[in-house]
PDB file of all heavy atoms in Angstrom:
ATOM      1  N   VAL A   1       5.048   1.947   5.205  1.00  0.00           N
ATOM      2  CA  VAL A   1       3.858   2.799   5.264  1.00  0.00           C
ATOM      3  C   VAL A   1       3.968   3.920   4.232  1.00  0.00           C
ATOM      4  O   VAL A   1       2.977   4.296   3.599  1.00  0.00           O
ATOM      5  CB  VAL A   1       3.674   3.366   6.691  1.00  0.00           C
ATOM      6  CG1 VAL A   1       2.623   4.479   6.696  1.00  0.00           C
ATOM      7  CG2 VAL A   1       3.268   2.261   7.652  1.00  0.00           C
ATOM      8  N   ALA A   2       5.179   4.425   4.040  1.00  0.00           N
ATOM      9  CA  ALA A   2       5.385   5.467   3.033  1.00  0.00           C
ATOM     10  C   ALA A   2       5.005   4.965   1.641  1.00  0.00           C
ATOM     11  O   ALA A   2       4.373   5.695   0.854  1.00  0.00           O
ATOM     12  CB  ALA A   2       6.841   5.936   3.047  1.00  0.00           C
ATOM     13  N   ARG A   3       5.365   3.725   1.334  1.00  0.00           N
ATOM     14  CA  ARG A   3       5.026   3.158   0.029  1.00  0.00           C
ATOM     15  C   ARG A   3       3.515   3.055  -0.152  1.00  0.00           C
ATOM     16  O   ARG A   3       2.978   3.364  -1.215  1.00  0.00           O
ATOM     17  CB  ARG A   3       5.658   1.770  -0.142  1.00  0.00           C
ATOM     18  CG  ARG A   3       7.171   1.778  -0.254  1.00  0.00           C
ATOM     19  CD  ARG A   3       7.699   0.419  -0.726  1.00  0.00           C
ATOM     20  NE  ARG A   3       9.141   0.315  -0.502  1.00  0.00           N
ATOM     21  CZ  ARG A   3       9.697  -0.345   0.485  1.00  0.00           C
ATOM     22  NH1 ARG A   3       8.933  -0.967   1.365  1.00  0.00           N
ATOM     23  NH2 ARG A   3      10.999  -0.404   0.617  1.00  0.00           N
ATOM     24  N   VAL A   4       2.842   2.620   0.900  1.00  0.00           N
ATOM     25  CA  VAL A   4       1.385   2.490   0.841  1.00  0.00           C
ATOM     26  C   VAL A   4       0.728   3.853   0.625  1.00  0.00           C
ATOM     27  O   VAL A   4      -0.290   3.969  -0.065  1.00  0.00           O
ATOM     28  CB  VAL A   4       0.853   1.841   2.139  1.00  0.00           C
ATOM     29  CG1 VAL A   4      -0.671   1.828   2.145  1.00  0.00           C
ATOM     30  CG2 VAL A   4       1.385   0.425   2.278  1.00  0.00           C
ATOM     31  N   LEU A   5       1.320   4.875   1.202  1.00  0.00           N
ATOM     32  CA  LEU A   5       0.780   6.227   1.059  1.00  0.00           C
ATOM     33  C   LEU A   5       1.237   6.900  -0.237  1.00  0.00           C
ATOM     34  O   LEU A   5       0.843   8.033  -0.519  1.00  0.00           O
ATOM     35  CB  LEU A   5       1.203   7.093   2.254  1.00  0.00           C
ATOM     36  CG  LEU A   5       0.577   6.721   3.607  1.00  0.00           C
ATOM     37  CD1 LEU A   5       1.202   7.546   4.726  1.00  0.00           C
ATOM     38  CD2 LEU A   5      -0.923   6.937   3.576  1.00  0.00           C
ATOM     39  N   GLY A   6       2.058   6.198  -1.016  1.00  0.00           N
ATOM     40  CA  GLY A   6       2.523   6.745  -2.286  1.00  0.00           C
ATOM     41  C   GLY A   6       3.581   7.821  -2.150  1.00  0.00           C
ATOM     42  O   GLY A   6       3.739   8.660  -3.045  1.00  0.00           O
ATOM     43  N   LEU A   7       4.336   7.774  -1.058  1.00  0.00           N
ATOM     44  CA  LEU A   7       5.375   8.771  -0.820  1.00  0.00           C
ATOM     45  C   LEU A   7       6.693   8.318  -1.451  1.00  0.00           C
ATOM     46  O   LEU A   7       6.965   7.122  -1.544  1.00  0.00           O
ATOM     47  CB  LEU A   7       5.565   8.996   0.678  1.00  0.00           C
ATOM     48  CG  LEU A   7       4.321   9.480   1.435  1.00  0.00           C
ATOM     49  CD1 LEU A   7       4.611   9.581   2.928  1.00  0.00           C
ATOM     50  CD2 LEU A   7       3.860  10.832   0.893  1.00  0.00           C
ATOM     51  N   PRO A   8       7.528   9.266  -1.864  1.00  0.00           N
ATOM     52  CA  PRO A   8       8.802   8.905  -2.515  1.00  0.00           C
ATOM     53  C   PRO A   8       9.826   8.354  -1.547  1.00  0.00           C
ATOM     54  O   PRO A   8       9.713   8.495  -0.334  1.00  0.00           O
ATOM     55  CB  PRO A   8       9.264  10.232  -3.127  1.00  0.00           C
ATOM     56  CG  PRO A   8       8.643  11.285  -2.273  1.00  0.00           C
ATOM     57  CD  PRO A   8       7.310  10.728  -1.855  1.00  0.00           C
ATOM     58  N   PHE A   9      10.863   7.708  -2.099  1.00  0.00           N
ATOM     59  CA  PHE A   9      11.989   7.178  -1.338  1.00  0.00           C
ATOM     60  C   PHE A   9      12.991   8.298  -1.073  1.00  0.00           C
ATOM     61  O   PHE A   9      13.218   9.145  -1.957  1.00  0.00           O
ATOM     62  CB  PHE A   9      12.653   6.062  -2.156  1.00  0.00           C
ATOM     63  CG  PHE A   9      13.937   5.533  -1.556  1.00  0.00           C
ATOM     64  CD1 PHE A   9      13.908   4.582  -0.559  1.00  0.00           C
ATOM     65  CD2 PHE A   9      15.163   6.007  -2.000  1.00  0.00           C
ATOM     66  CE1 PHE A   9      15.088   4.098  -0.009  1.00  0.00           C
ATOM     67  CE2 PHE A   9      16.338   5.534  -1.459  1.00  0.00           C
ATOM     68  CZ  PHE A   9      16.293   4.572  -0.456  1.00  0.00           C
ATOM     69  N   PRO A  10      13.610   8.343   0.117  1.00  0.00           N
ATOM     70  CA  PRO A  10      13.405   7.471   1.270  1.00  0.00           C
ATOM     71  C   PRO A  10      12.142   7.844   2.041  1.00  0.00           C
ATOM     72  O   PRO A  10      11.836   9.020   2.229  1.00  0.00           O
ATOM     73  CB  PRO A  10      14.662   7.696   2.110  1.00  0.00           C
ATOM     74  CG  PRO A  10      15.095   9.084   1.754  1.00  0.00           C
ATOM     75  CD  PRO A  10      14.740   9.278   0.316  1.00  0.00           C
ATOM     76  N   GLY A  11      11.397   6.832   2.472  1.00  0.00           N
ATOM     77  CA  GLY A  11      10.069   7.045   3.008  1.00  0.00           C
ATOM     78  C   GLY A  11       9.990   7.668   4.387  1.00  0.00           C
ATOM     79  O   GLY A  11       9.073   8.449   4.662  1.00  0.00           O
ATOM     80  N   GLY A  12      10.936   7.336   5.275  1.00  0.00           N
ATOM     81  CA  GLY A  12      10.872   7.829   6.649  1.00  0.00           C
ATOM     82  C   GLY A  12      10.742   9.341   6.763  1.00  0.00           C
ATOM     83  O   GLY A  12       9.804   9.843   7.400  1.00  0.00           O
ATOM     84  N   PRO A  13      11.652  10.099   6.158  1.00  0.00           N
ATOM     85  CA  PRO A  13      11.549  11.559   6.237  1.00  0.00           C
ATOM     86  C   PRO A  13      10.270  12.098   5.605  1.00  0.00           C
ATOM     87  O   PRO A  13       9.742  13.124   6.047  1.00  0.00           O
ATOM     88  CB  PRO A  13      12.791  12.030   5.455  1.00  0.00           C
ATOM     89  CG  PRO A  13      13.751  10.896   5.550  1.00  0.00           C
ATOM     90  CD  PRO A  13      12.903   9.663   5.514  1.00  0.00           C
ATOM     91  N   GLU A  14       9.773  11.408   4.570  1.00  0.00           N
ATOM     92  CA  GLU A  14       8.549  11.861   3.903  1.00  0.00           C
ATOM     93  C   GLU A  14       7.330  11.672   4.810  1.00  0.00           C
ATOM     94  O   GLU A  14       6.421  12.509   4.828  1.00  0.00           O
ATOM     95  CB  GLU A  14       8.357  11.106   2.588  1.00  0.00           C
ATOM     96  CG  GLU A  14       9.412  11.414   1.538  1.00  0.00           C
ATOM     97  CD  GLU A  14       9.381  12.864   1.093  1.00  0.00           C
ATOM     98  OE1 GLU A  14       8.292  13.464   1.080  1.00  0.00           O
ATOM     99  OE2 GLU A  14      10.464  13.398   0.758  1.00  0.00           O
ATOM    100  N   VAL A  15       7.292  10.571   5.551  1.00  0.00           N
ATOM    101  CA  VAL A  15       6.199  10.358   6.507  1.00  0.00           C
ATOM    102  C   VAL A  15       6.237  11.435   7.586  1.00  0.00           C
ATOM    103  O   VAL A  15       5.208  12.002   7.963  1.00  0.00           O
ATOM    104  CB  VAL A  15       6.295   8.955   7.148  1.00  0.00           C
ATOM    105  CG1 VAL A  15       5.289   8.821   8.302  1.00  0.00           C
ATOM    106  CG2 VAL A  15       6.031   7.875   6.110  1.00  0.00           C
ATOM    107  N   ASP A  16       7.419  11.715   8.086  1.00  0.00           N
ATOM    108  CA  ASP A  16       7.591  12.741   9.113  1.00  0.00           C
ATOM    109  C   ASP A  16       7.122  14.099   8.591  1.00  0.00           C
ATOM    110  O   ASP A  16       6.433  14.854   9.298  1.00  0.00           O
ATOM    111  CB  ASP A  16       9.067  12.801   9.524  1.00  0.00           C
ATOM    112  CG  ASP A  16       9.296  13.698  10.733  1.00  0.00           C
ATOM    113  OD1 ASP A  16       8.330  13.971  11.476  1.00  0.00           O
ATOM    114  OD2 ASP A  16      10.441  14.131  10.952  1.00  0.00           O
ATOM    115  N   LYS A  17       7.468  14.397   7.352  1.00  0.00           N
ATOM    116  CA  LYS A  17       7.075  15.675   6.747  1.00  0.00           C
ATOM    117  C   LYS A  17       5.562  15.770   6.594  1.00  0.00           C
ATOM    118  O   LYS A  17       4.945  16.793   6.930  1.00  0.00           O
ATOM    119  CB  LYS A  17       7.759  15.817   5.382  1.00  0.00           C
ATOM    120  CG  LYS A  17       7.445  17.104   4.647  1.00  0.00           C
ATOM    121  CD  LYS A  17       8.184  17.141   3.318  1.00  0.00           C
ATOM    122  CE  LYS A  17       7.845  18.400   2.526  1.00  0.00           C
ATOM    123  NZ  LYS A  17       8.558  18.399   1.209  1.00  0.00           N
ATOM    124  N   LEU A  18       4.933  14.708   6.078  1.00  0.00           N
ATOM    125  CA  LEU A  18       3.488  14.701   5.881  1.00  0.00           C
ATOM    126  C   LEU A  18       2.756  14.738   7.213  1.00  0.00           C
ATOM    127  O   LEU A  18       1.698  15.370   7.334  1.00  0.00           O
ATOM    128  CB  LEU A  18       3.086  13.453   5.090  1.00  0.00           C
ATOM    129  CG  LEU A  18       1.587  13.262   4.792  1.00  0.00           C
ATOM    130  CD1 LEU A  18       1.049  14.430   3.967  1.00  0.00           C
ATOM    131  CD2 LEU A  18       1.358  11.940   4.065  1.00  0.00           C
ATOM    132  N   ALA A  19       3.315  14.092   8.211  1.00  0.00           N
ATOM    133  CA  ALA A  19       2.668  14.026   9.525  1.00  0.00           C
ATOM    134  C   ALA A  19       2.498  15.395  10.162  1.00  0.00           C
ATOM    135  O   ALA A  19       1.597  15.598  10.994  1.00  0.00           O
ATOM    136  CB  ALA A  19       3.475  13.116  10.449  1.00  0.00           C
ATOM    137  N   ARG A  20       3.315  16.331   9.797  1.00  0.00           N
ATOM    138  CA  ARG A  20       3.213  17.677  10.360  1.00  0.00           C
ATOM    139  C   ARG A  20       1.893  18.341   9.990  1.00  0.00           C
ATOM    140  O   ARG A  20       1.446  19.277  10.656  1.00  0.00           O
ATOM    141  CB  ARG A  20       4.382  18.536   9.875  1.00  0.00           C
ATOM    142  CG  ARG A  20       5.746  17.978  10.254  1.00  0.00           C
ATOM    143  CD  ARG A  20       6.871  18.879   9.861  1.00  0.00           C
ATOM    144  NE  ARG A  20       8.153  18.221  10.057  1.00  0.00           N
ATOM    145  CZ  ARG A  20       9.322  18.847  10.091  1.00  0.00           C
ATOM    146  NH1 ARG A  20       9.373  20.152   9.939  1.00  0.00           N
ATOM    147  NH2 ARG A  20      10.442  18.164  10.273  1.00  0.00           N
ATOM    148  N   GLU A  21       1.271  17.874   8.908  1.00  0.00           N
ATOM    149  CA  GLU A  21       0.012  18.450   8.446  1.00  0.00           C
ATOM    150  C   GLU A  21      -1.196  17.702   9.001  1.00  0.00           C
ATOM    151  O   GLU A  21      -2.340  18.079   8.759  1.00  0.00           O
ATOM    152  CB  GLU A  21      -0.045  18.415   6.912  1.00  0.00           C
ATOM    153  CG  GLU A  21       1.127  19.110   6.233  1.00  0.00           C
ATOM    154  CD  GLU A  21       1.133  18.871   4.728  1.00  0.00           C
ATOM    155  OE1 GLU A  21       0.114  18.383   4.198  1.00  0.00           O
ATOM    156  OE2 GLU A  21       2.170  19.160   4.101  1.00  0.00           O
ATOM    157  N   GLY A  22      -0.948  16.597   9.741  1.00  0.00           N
ATOM    158  CA  GLY A  22      -2.041  15.765  10.220  1.00  0.00           C
ATOM    159  C   GLY A  22      -2.242  15.817  11.717  1.00  0.00           C
ATOM    160  O   GLY A  22      -1.481  16.446  12.456  1.00  0.00           O
ATOM    161  N   ASN A  23      -3.276  15.107  12.165  1.00  0.00           N
ATOM    162  CA  ASN A  23      -3.625  15.026  13.581  1.00  0.00           C
ATOM    163  C   ASN A  23      -3.159  13.671  14.121  1.00  0.00           C
ATOM    164  O   ASN A  23      -3.682  12.627  13.717  1.00  0.00           O
ATOM    165  CB  ASN A  23      -5.137  15.162  13.753  1.00  0.00           C
ATOM    166  CG  ASN A  23      -5.577  15.001  15.202  1.00  0.00           C
ATOM    167  OD1 ASN A  23      -4.754  14.925  16.117  1.00  0.00           O
ATOM    168  ND2 ASN A  23      -6.883  14.956  15.420  1.00  0.00           N
ATOM    169  N   PRO A  24      -2.198  13.646  15.034  1.00  0.00           N
ATOM    170  CA  PRO A  24      -1.671  12.378  15.552  1.00  0.00           C
ATOM    171  C   PRO A  24      -2.682  11.599  16.387  1.00  0.00           C
ATOM    172  O   PRO A  24      -2.461  10.429  16.694  1.00  0.00           O
ATOM    173  CB  PRO A  24      -0.469  12.807  16.396  1.00  0.00           C
ATOM    174  CG  PRO A  24      -0.767  14.215  16.779  1.00  0.00           C
ATOM    175  CD  PRO A  24      -1.498  14.808  15.612  1.00  0.00           C
ATOM    176  N   LEU A  25      -3.799  12.235  16.744  1.00  0.00           N
ATOM    177  CA  LEU A  25      -4.834  11.572  17.538  1.00  0.00           C
ATOM    178  C   LEU A  25      -6.046  11.204  16.702  1.00  0.00           C
ATOM    179  O   LEU A  25      -7.045  10.714  17.241  1.00  0.00           O
ATOM    180  CB  LEU A  25      -5.263  12.487  18.700  1.00  0.00           C
ATOM    181  CG  LEU A  25      -4.146  12.945  19.655  1.00  0.00           C
ATOM    182  CD1 LEU A  25      -4.717  13.862  20.724  1.00  0.00           C
ATOM    183  CD2 LEU A  25      -3.444  11.757  20.272  1.00  0.00           C
ATOM    184  N   ALA A  26      -5.955  11.401  15.408  1.00  0.00           N
ATOM    185  CA  ALA A  26      -7.107  11.161  14.542  1.00  0.00           C
ATOM    186  C   ALA A  26      -7.492   9.691  14.476  1.00  0.00           C
ATOM    187  O   ALA A  26      -8.681   9.349  14.414  1.00  0.00           O
ATOM    188  CB  ALA A  26      -6.814  11.687  13.139  1.00  0.00           C
ATOM    189  N   ILE A  27      -6.503   8.800  14.482  1.00  0.00           N
ATOM    190  CA  ILE A  27      -6.745   7.360  14.348  1.00  0.00           C
ATOM    191  C   ILE A  27      -5.976   6.642  15.451  1.00  0.00           C
ATOM    192  O   ILE A  27      -4.781   6.880  15.640  1.00  0.00           O
ATOM    193  CB  ILE A  27      -6.277   6.832  12.978  1.00  0.00           C
ATOM    194  CG1 ILE A  27      -6.840   7.698  11.845  1.00  0.00           C
ATOM    195  CG2 ILE A  27      -6.668   5.372  12.795  1.00  0.00           C
ATOM    196  CD1 ILE A  27      -6.101   7.555  10.536  1.00  0.00           C
ATOM    197  N   ARG A  28      -6.646   5.763  16.148  1.00  0.00           N
ATOM    198  CA  ARG A  28      -5.993   5.036  17.239  1.00  0.00           C
ATOM    199  C   ARG A  28      -5.444   3.717  16.698  1.00  0.00           C
ATOM    200  O   ARG A  28      -6.116   2.684  16.707  1.00  0.00           O
ATOM    201  CB  ARG A  28      -6.978   4.751  18.371  1.00  0.00           C
ATOM    202  CG  ARG A  28      -6.389   3.968  19.540  1.00  0.00           C
ATOM    203  CD  ARG A  28      -5.312   4.740  20.276  1.00  0.00           C
ATOM    204  NE  ARG A  28      -4.680   3.909  21.314  1.00  0.00           N
ATOM    205  CZ  ARG A  28      -3.730   4.338  22.126  1.00  0.00           C
ATOM    206  NH1 ARG A  28      -3.300   5.587  22.030  1.00  0.00           N
ATOM    207  NH2 ARG A  28      -3.221   3.536  23.034  1.00  0.00           N
TER     208      ARG A  28
END
């Protein structure tokens, strides 16, 4: 998912970091 979002490697921590700025209930 990180690759699809264009996030750098390693992707896991980058997704976690970006998620802090988003709404976890925005998309089901």
